[in-house]
Amino acid sequence: MNAQRTVQIIRPSSELSTEDQKIKAAAYCRVSTDSDDQENSFLAQVKYYSDYIGSREDMILVDIYADEGITGTAMSKREEFKRLLNDAKVSVNALFIWMTERFVRVSYRCSIEQYGNRTY
């Protein structure tokens, strides 16, 4: 009963391109007022994520979603945030945020993570 076992290697029918293997990253930037200090913070957030994600060989920047001068409590006014929620379902694997309170309360963070996305 020493039957010889054979192993068959199944090769993929097509290889993924390098771009398909990259993490699809996005960033969400927000400030709640139009003050000069907040404007500087907003621009710093956008620049930081553009530079950081752009420098990573394992990532591709999908988009930077940015709501400027909009309070975090009014979801109906945050058009970029709503666009991010839709895109997170299909085209974003990792999300970078400056601070969680810049993003949203925990319930929405969990909502994005349920699609297999990571938040940083």
N, C-alpha and C. Protein backbone atom coordinates (compact mmCIF):
# COMPACT_ATOMS: atom_id res chain seq x y z
N MET A 1 0.80 -1.19 0.00
CA MET A 1 0.00 0.00 0.00
C MET A 1 0.85 1.26 0.00
N ASN A 2 1.99 1.22 -0.53
CA ASN A 2 2.84 2.40 -0.67
C ASN A 2 2.57 3.07 -2.01
N ALA A 3 1.40 3.62 -2.14
CA ALA A 3 1.03 4.28 -3.40
C ALA A 3 1.85 5.55 -3.56
N GLN A 4 2.34 5.76 -4.73
CA GLN A 4 3.15 6.93 -5.05
C GLN A 4 2.22 8.14 -5.24
N ARG A 5 2.45 9.21 -4.50
CA ARG A 5 1.64 10.42 -4.64
C ARG A 5 2.32 11.35 -5.63
N THR A 6 1.52 11.95 -6.44
CA THR A 6 2.07 12.91 -7.38
C THR A 6 1.47 14.29 -7.08
N VAL A 7 2.26 15.27 -7.33
CA VAL A 7 1.83 16.65 -7.12
C VAL A 7 1.77 17.33 -8.48
N GLN A 8 0.64 17.90 -8.76
CA GLN A 8 0.49 18.63 -10.01
C GLN A 8 0.49 20.12 -9.69
N ILE A 9 1.40 20.84 -10.29
CA ILE A 9 1.48 22.29 -10.09
C ILE A 9 0.58 22.96 -11.11
N ILE A 10 -0.33 23.76 -10.61
CA ILE A 10 -1.25 24.48 -11.49
C ILE A 10 -0.77 25.92 -11.59
N ARG A 11 -0.38 26.30 -12.75
CA ARG A 11 0.11 27.65 -13.00
C ARG A 11 -1.07 28.57 -13.28
N PRO A 12 -0.97 29.85 -12.87
CA PRO A 12 -2.05 30.79 -13.17
C PRO A 12 -2.18 30.98 -14.68
N SER A 13 -3.41 31.18 -15.12
CA SER A 13 -3.63 31.33 -16.56
C SER A 13 -3.13 32.68 -17.05
N SER A 14 -3.07 33.65 -16.17
CA SER A 14 -2.51 34.95 -16.55
C SER A 14 -1.85 35.56 -15.32
N GLU A 15 -0.77 36.22 -15.55
CA GLU A 15 -0.05 36.87 -14.46
C GLU A 15 -0.65 38.24 -14.20
N LEU A 16 -0.69 38.63 -12.93
CA LEU A 16 -1.13 39.98 -12.59
C LEU A 16 -0.03 40.96 -12.96
N SER A 17 -0.43 42.09 -13.46
CA SER A 17 0.56 43.12 -13.76
C SER A 17 1.07 43.71 -12.45
N THR A 18 2.20 44.37 -12.52
CA THR A 18 2.76 45.00 -11.33
C THR A 18 1.77 46.00 -10.75
N GLU A 19 1.06 46.73 -11.59
CA GLU A 19 0.08 47.71 -11.11
C GLU A 19 -1.06 47.03 -10.37
N ASP A 20 -1.49 45.85 -10.83
CA ASP A 20 -2.58 45.13 -10.18
C ASP A 20 -2.19 44.61 -8.80
N GLN A 21 -0.90 44.42 -8.57
CA GLN A 21 -0.43 43.90 -7.29
C GLN A 21 -0.25 44.99 -6.24
N LYS A 22 -0.28 46.22 -6.65
CA LYS A 22 -0.05 47.32 -5.71
C LYS A 22 -1.29 47.58 -4.84
N ILE A 23 -1.03 48.07 -3.64
CA ILE A 23 -2.10 48.49 -2.74
C ILE A 23 -2.70 49.77 -3.29
N LYS A 24 -4.01 49.77 -3.42
CA LYS A 24 -4.71 50.96 -3.91
C LYS A 24 -5.02 51.86 -2.71
N ALA A 25 -4.24 52.92 -2.58
CA ALA A 25 -4.30 53.77 -1.39
C ALA A 25 -4.99 55.09 -1.69
N ALA A 26 -5.67 55.59 -0.69
CA ALA A 26 -6.32 56.90 -0.77
C ALA A 26 -6.10 57.60 0.56
N ALA A 27 -6.32 58.90 0.55
CA ALA A 27 -6.21 59.68 1.79
C ALA A 27 -7.44 60.57 1.90
N TYR A 28 -7.85 60.80 3.15
CA TYR A 28 -8.95 61.72 3.42
C TYR A 28 -8.42 62.88 4.25
N CYS A 29 -8.60 64.08 3.74
CA CYS A 29 -8.15 65.30 4.42
C CYS A 29 -9.36 66.18 4.69
N ARG A 30 -9.38 66.78 5.89
CA ARG A 30 -10.49 67.67 6.22
C ARG A 30 -10.07 68.66 7.28
N VAL A 31 -10.55 69.88 7.13
CA VAL A 31 -10.48 70.88 8.19
C VAL A 31 -11.88 71.46 8.32
N SER A 32 -12.21 71.93 9.52
CA SER A 32 -13.59 72.34 9.77
C SER A 32 -13.86 73.82 9.57
N THR A 33 -12.83 74.63 9.43
CA THR A 33 -13.05 76.06 9.20
C THR A 33 -12.15 76.55 8.08
N ASP A 34 -12.36 77.78 7.67
CA ASP A 34 -11.54 78.38 6.62
C ASP A 34 -10.45 79.29 7.17
N SER A 35 -10.12 79.17 8.46
CA SER A 35 -9.10 80.04 9.05
C SER A 35 -7.73 79.75 8.42
N ASP A 36 -6.82 80.71 8.53
CA ASP A 36 -5.49 80.54 7.95
C ASP A 36 -4.76 79.33 8.53
N ASP A 37 -4.87 79.13 9.85
CA ASP A 37 -4.22 77.98 10.48
C ASP A 37 -4.76 76.67 9.92
N GLN A 38 -6.06 76.61 9.78
CA GLN A 38 -6.69 75.40 9.24
C GLN A 38 -6.33 75.20 7.77
N GLU A 39 -6.24 76.30 7.02
CA GLU A 39 -5.85 76.22 5.61
C GLU A 39 -4.45 75.61 5.49
N ASN A 40 -3.54 76.06 6.35
CA ASN A 40 -2.18 75.51 6.34
C ASN A 40 -2.18 74.03 6.69
N SER A 41 -3.00 73.64 7.65
CA SER A 41 -3.12 72.24 8.04
C SER A 41 -3.66 71.41 6.88
N PHE A 42 -4.66 71.94 6.21
CA PHE A 42 -5.27 71.25 5.08
C PHE A 42 -4.24 71.01 3.97
N LEU A 43 -3.52 72.07 3.61
CA LEU A 43 -2.51 71.95 2.55
C LEU A 43 -1.40 70.99 2.95
N ALA A 44 -1.02 71.01 4.24
CA ALA A 44 0.02 70.10 4.74
C ALA A 44 -0.45 68.65 4.65
N GLN A 45 -1.71 68.40 4.96
CA GLN A 45 -2.25 67.04 4.87
C GLN A 45 -2.20 66.54 3.43
N VAL A 46 -2.68 67.36 2.51
CA VAL A 46 -2.71 66.98 1.10
C VAL A 46 -1.30 66.70 0.58
N LYS A 47 -0.36 67.58 0.90
CA LYS A 47 1.03 67.42 0.44
C LYS A 47 1.66 66.17 1.05
N TYR A 48 1.46 65.98 2.34
CA TYR A 48 2.06 64.83 3.01
C TYR A 48 1.61 63.52 2.35
N TYR A 49 0.31 63.34 2.17
CA TYR A 49 -0.19 62.09 1.61
C TYR A 49 0.17 61.93 0.14
N SER A 50 0.18 63.01 -0.61
CA SER A 50 0.62 62.93 -2.01
C SER A 50 2.06 62.44 -2.07
N ASP A 51 2.92 63.04 -1.25
CA ASP A 51 4.34 62.67 -1.24
C ASP A 51 4.55 61.26 -0.70
N TYR A 52 3.89 60.95 0.42
CA TYR A 52 4.12 59.66 1.07
C TYR A 52 3.65 58.50 0.19
N ILE A 53 2.42 58.54 -0.24
CA ILE A 53 1.89 57.44 -1.05
C ILE A 53 2.62 57.38 -2.39
N GLY A 54 2.93 58.55 -2.95
CA GLY A 54 3.66 58.60 -4.21
C GLY A 54 5.06 58.00 -4.12
N SER A 55 5.65 58.02 -2.94
CA SER A 55 7.01 57.50 -2.76
C SER A 55 7.03 55.99 -2.52
N ARG A 56 5.90 55.40 -2.25
CA ARG A 56 5.83 53.98 -1.93
C ARG A 56 5.72 53.15 -3.21
N GLU A 57 6.64 52.25 -3.40
CA GLU A 57 6.61 51.40 -4.59
C GLU A 57 5.50 50.36 -4.54
N ASP A 58 5.03 50.04 -3.33
CA ASP A 58 4.00 49.03 -3.18
C ASP A 58 2.59 49.61 -3.22
N MET A 59 2.47 50.91 -3.47
CA MET A 59 1.16 51.57 -3.47
C MET A 59 0.96 52.40 -4.72
N ILE A 60 -0.31 52.56 -5.05
CA ILE A 60 -0.69 53.48 -6.11
C ILE A 60 -1.75 54.40 -5.52
N LEU A 61 -1.61 55.69 -5.75
CA LEU A 61 -2.56 56.66 -5.21
C LEU A 61 -3.82 56.67 -6.06
N VAL A 62 -4.93 56.27 -5.45
CA VAL A 62 -6.22 56.28 -6.13
C VAL A 62 -6.73 57.71 -6.19
N ASP A 63 -6.74 58.38 -5.04
CA ASP A 63 -7.23 59.76 -4.99
C ASP A 63 -7.00 60.31 -3.58
N ILE A 64 -7.05 61.63 -3.50
CA ILE A 64 -7.08 62.29 -2.21
C ILE A 64 -8.45 62.93 -2.11
N TYR A 65 -9.19 62.53 -1.11
CA TYR A 65 -10.54 63.03 -0.88
C TYR A 65 -10.42 64.14 0.14
N ALA A 66 -10.97 65.30 -0.16
CA ALA A 66 -10.72 66.45 0.70
C ALA A 66 -11.96 67.32 0.84
N ASP A 67 -12.39 67.48 2.08
CA ASP A 67 -13.48 68.40 2.41
C ASP A 67 -12.87 69.55 3.19
N GLU A 68 -12.90 70.72 2.63
CA GLU A 68 -12.26 71.89 3.25
C GLU A 68 -13.30 72.82 3.83
N GLY A 69 -13.11 73.18 5.11
CA GLY A 69 -14.00 74.13 5.76
C GLY A 69 -15.38 73.58 6.05
N ILE A 70 -15.47 72.26 6.28
CA ILE A 70 -16.76 71.62 6.52
C ILE A 70 -16.69 70.87 7.85
N THR A 71 -17.68 71.08 8.69
CA THR A 71 -17.71 70.42 9.99
C THR A 71 -17.87 68.91 9.82
N GLY A 72 -17.27 68.16 10.73
CA GLY A 72 -17.34 66.71 10.68
C GLY A 72 -18.68 66.15 11.11
N THR A 73 -19.53 66.97 11.71
CA THR A 73 -20.81 66.47 12.20
C THR A 73 -21.89 66.49 11.13
N ALA A 74 -21.68 67.18 10.04
CA ALA A 74 -22.69 67.30 8.99
C ALA A 74 -22.32 66.42 7.80
N MET A 75 -22.70 65.15 7.86
CA MET A 75 -22.37 64.22 6.79
C MET A 75 -22.96 64.65 5.45
N SER A 76 -24.11 65.26 5.47
CA SER A 76 -24.78 65.64 4.22
C SER A 76 -23.98 66.67 3.42
N LYS A 77 -23.12 67.42 4.09
CA LYS A 77 -22.33 68.46 3.42
C LYS A 77 -20.95 67.97 2.99
N ARG A 78 -20.58 66.79 3.36
CA ARG A 78 -19.24 66.27 3.09
C ARG A 78 -19.25 65.42 1.83
N GLU A 79 -19.24 66.08 0.68
CA GLU A 79 -19.35 65.40 -0.61
C GLU A 79 -18.17 64.46 -0.86
N GLU A 80 -16.97 64.90 -0.53
CA GLU A 80 -15.79 64.06 -0.76
C GLU A 80 -15.82 62.83 0.14
N PHE A 81 -16.30 62.98 1.34
CA PHE A 81 -16.40 61.84 2.24
C PHE A 81 -17.39 60.82 1.69
N LYS A 82 -18.50 61.30 1.18
CA LYS A 82 -19.50 60.39 0.59
C LYS A 82 -18.93 59.67 -0.64
N ARG A 83 -18.15 60.40 -1.43
CA ARG A 83 -17.51 59.79 -2.60
C ARG A 83 -16.51 58.71 -2.16
N LEU A 84 -15.77 59.00 -1.08
CA LEU A 84 -14.83 58.02 -0.53
C LEU A 84 -15.55 56.75 -0.09
N LEU A 85 -16.67 56.89 0.60
CA LEU A 85 -17.41 55.70 1.05
C LEU A 85 -17.80 54.82 -0.14
N ASN A 86 -18.22 55.44 -1.23
CA ASN A 86 -18.57 54.66 -2.42
C ASN A 86 -17.34 53.99 -3.03
N ASP A 87 -16.24 54.73 -3.15
CA ASP A 87 -15.03 54.19 -3.76
C ASP A 87 -14.40 53.10 -2.90
N ALA A 88 -14.57 53.19 -1.58
CA ALA A 88 -13.98 52.19 -0.68
C ALA A 88 -14.55 50.80 -0.93
N LYS A 89 -15.73 50.75 -1.49
CA LYS A 89 -16.36 49.46 -1.78
C LYS A 89 -15.69 48.74 -2.94
N VAL A 90 -15.07 49.50 -3.86
CA VAL A 90 -14.57 48.87 -5.08
C VAL A 90 -13.13 49.18 -5.46
N SER A 91 -12.59 50.32 -5.07
CA SER A 91 -11.29 50.69 -5.63
C SER A 91 -10.25 51.17 -4.63
N VAL A 92 -10.50 51.04 -3.34
CA VAL A 92 -9.54 51.49 -2.34
C VAL A 92 -9.27 50.35 -1.37
N ASN A 93 -7.97 50.02 -1.18
CA ASN A 93 -7.58 48.96 -0.24
C ASN A 93 -7.05 49.52 1.07
N ALA A 94 -6.51 50.73 1.03
CA ALA A 94 -5.92 51.33 2.23
C ALA A 94 -6.29 52.81 2.26
N LEU A 95 -6.64 53.27 3.44
CA LEU A 95 -7.05 54.66 3.61
C LEU A 95 -6.18 55.31 4.67
N PHE A 96 -5.61 56.45 4.33
CA PHE A 96 -4.80 57.22 5.26
C PHE A 96 -5.60 58.43 5.73
N ILE A 97 -5.58 58.65 7.03
CA ILE A 97 -6.26 59.81 7.61
C ILE A 97 -5.32 60.47 8.60
N TRP A 98 -5.41 61.79 8.71
CA TRP A 98 -4.53 62.56 9.59
C TRP A 98 -4.82 62.24 11.04
N MET A 99 -6.07 62.35 11.44
CA MET A 99 -6.50 62.01 12.80
C MET A 99 -7.92 61.47 12.68
N THR A 100 -8.27 60.53 13.54
CA THR A 100 -9.60 59.93 13.42
C THR A 100 -10.72 60.95 13.51
N GLU A 101 -10.55 61.97 14.31
CA GLU A 101 -11.62 62.97 14.38
C GLU A 101 -11.71 63.82 13.11
N ARG A 102 -10.69 63.80 12.30
CA ARG A 102 -10.74 64.47 10.99
C ARG A 102 -11.56 63.62 10.03
N PHE A 103 -11.63 62.37 10.33
CA PHE A 103 -12.31 61.42 9.46
C PHE A 103 -13.78 61.33 9.85
N VAL A 104 -14.07 60.55 10.86
CA VAL A 104 -15.45 60.36 11.31
C VAL A 104 -15.45 59.49 12.55
N ARG A 105 -16.58 59.33 13.11
CA ARG A 105 -16.71 58.50 14.29
C ARG A 105 -16.43 57.03 13.95
N VAL A 106 -16.23 56.22 14.97
CA VAL A 106 -15.82 54.82 14.81
C VAL A 106 -16.77 54.03 13.92
N SER A 107 -18.07 54.29 13.96
CA SER A 107 -19.01 53.47 13.19
C SER A 107 -18.73 53.54 11.70
N TYR A 108 -18.35 54.69 11.18
CA TYR A 108 -18.04 54.78 9.76
C TYR A 108 -16.69 54.15 9.44
N ARG A 109 -15.75 54.25 10.35
CA ARG A 109 -14.45 53.60 10.15
C ARG A 109 -14.67 52.10 10.01
N CYS A 110 -15.50 51.54 10.87
CA CYS A 110 -15.79 50.11 10.79
C CYS A 110 -16.50 49.78 9.49
N SER A 111 -17.35 50.67 9.03
CA SER A 111 -18.06 50.48 7.78
C SER A 111 -17.08 50.35 6.62
N ILE A 112 -16.06 51.18 6.59
CA ILE A 112 -15.06 51.11 5.53
C ILE A 112 -14.23 49.84 5.67
N GLU A 113 -13.88 49.47 6.88
CA GLU A 113 -13.04 48.29 7.09
C GLU A 113 -13.78 46.99 6.77
N GLN A 114 -15.11 47.02 6.74
CA GLN A 114 -15.85 45.81 6.41
C GLN A 114 -15.66 45.38 4.96
N TYR A 115 -15.19 46.28 4.12
CA TYR A 115 -14.91 45.95 2.73
C TYR A 115 -13.49 45.43 2.55
N GLY A 116 -12.80 45.17 3.65
CA GLY A 116 -11.45 44.64 3.58
C GLY A 116 -10.39 45.73 3.43
N ASN A 117 -10.76 46.96 3.68
CA ASN A 117 -9.83 48.08 3.57
C ASN A 117 -9.15 48.32 4.91
N ARG A 118 -7.96 48.90 4.85
CA ARG A 118 -7.24 49.23 6.07
C ARG A 118 -7.22 50.74 6.24
N THR A 119 -7.28 51.18 7.49
CA THR A 119 -7.15 52.61 7.77
C THR A 119 -5.85 52.83 8.51
N TYR A 120 -5.16 53.92 8.18
CA TYR A 120 -3.88 54.27 8.80
C TYR A 120 -3.98 55.65 9.39
